[in-house]
Amino acid sequence: MGLSERQRIEILILLECGDKIRSQAEVCALFNAKYPANQISQGTEHGTVHDLPRTGGARALNEEKKLNIGTS
């Protein structure tokens, strides 16, 4: 499972905490100690805190259709 938006923001905060800029290795170690179930590596970053669009076809059911199924 990927990182939540909140966790991605926390990584950015860890990178530039106060006037000290940490290395990616330091940030990985701090994050991995706090979130052992969501281990990251230095290559995890992709430049945004939002989920990127996925490749492939659209899902058969979107969230709106799922909600409508329960009301039919």
Protein backbone atom coordinates (compact mmCIF):
# COMPACT_ATOMS: atom_id res chain seq x y z
CA MET A 1 0.00 0.00 0.00
CA GLY A 2 1.22 3.49 -0.78
CA LEU A 3 1.79 6.37 1.55
CA SER A 4 -1.05 8.60 2.65
CA GLU A 5 -1.03 12.27 1.71
CA ARG A 6 -0.35 13.09 5.36
CA GLN A 7 2.72 10.81 5.40
CA ARG A 8 4.06 12.41 2.21
CA ILE A 9 3.68 15.86 3.78
CA GLU A 10 5.48 14.61 6.87
CA ILE A 11 8.40 13.50 4.68
CA LEU A 12 8.63 17.00 3.22
CA ILE A 13 8.60 18.48 6.72
CA LEU A 14 11.35 16.08 7.81
CA LEU A 15 13.48 17.13 4.83
CA GLU A 16 13.53 20.78 5.87
CA CYS A 17 13.02 20.78 9.62
CA GLY A 18 13.80 24.26 10.91
CA ASP A 19 17.04 25.62 9.52
CA LYS A 20 18.57 22.16 9.09
CA ILE A 21 18.15 20.40 5.76
CA ARG A 22 18.38 16.64 6.23
CA SER A 23 19.70 14.16 3.70
CA GLN A 24 17.35 11.68 2.08
CA ALA A 25 19.03 8.88 4.03
CA GLU A 26 18.34 10.67 7.34
CA VAL A 27 14.70 11.28 6.38
CA CYS A 28 14.25 7.62 5.39
CA ALA A 29 15.68 6.46 8.72
CA LEU A 30 13.43 8.82 10.74
CA PHE A 31 10.30 7.96 8.74
CA ASN A 32 10.95 4.20 8.81
CA ALA A 33 11.46 4.31 12.59
CA LYS A 34 8.10 6.05 13.03
CA TYR A 35 6.17 3.96 10.46
CA PRO A 36 7.63 0.44 10.43
CA ALA A 37 4.69 -0.87 8.36
CA ASN A 38 5.33 1.69 5.57
CA GLN A 39 9.04 1.47 4.89
CA ILE A 40 10.37 3.93 2.31
CA SER A 41 13.58 4.12 0.33
CA GLN A 42 15.37 7.11 -1.14
CA GLY A 43 13.67 6.55 -4.50
CA THR A 44 10.15 6.89 -3.06
CA GLU A 45 9.68 10.59 -3.84
CA HIS A 46 7.89 11.63 -7.02
CA GLY A 47 7.52 15.40 -6.59
CA THR A 48 3.95 15.65 -5.31
CA VAL A 49 2.01 14.77 -2.18
CA HIS A 50 -1.06 13.74 -4.19
CA ASP A 51 -1.64 10.31 -5.74
CA LEU A 52 -0.46 10.12 -9.33
CA PRO A 53 -2.84 8.86 -12.02
CA ARG A 54 -2.59 5.14 -12.60
CA THR A 55 -1.90 3.56 -15.96
CA GLY A 56 -4.36 1.20 -17.62
CA GLY A 57 -8.08 1.28 -18.16
CA ALA A 58 -10.60 2.94 -15.91
CA ARG A 59 -12.04 0.92 -13.06
CA ALA A 60 -15.36 -0.75 -13.73
CA LEU A 61 -16.96 0.90 -10.71
CA ASN A 62 -16.14 4.37 -9.53
CA GLU A 63 -17.06 5.69 -6.08
CA GLU A 64 -20.32 7.26 -7.29
CA LYS A 65 -21.49 4.01 -8.86
CA LYS A 66 -20.62 2.10 -5.68
CA LEU A 67 -22.78 4.48 -3.65
CA ASN A 68 -25.69 4.14 -6.11
CA ILE A 69 -25.64 0.35 -5.86
CA GLY A 70 -26.55 0.55 -2.18
CA THR A 71 -29.56 2.80 -2.87
CA SER A 72 -31.13 0.75 -5.68
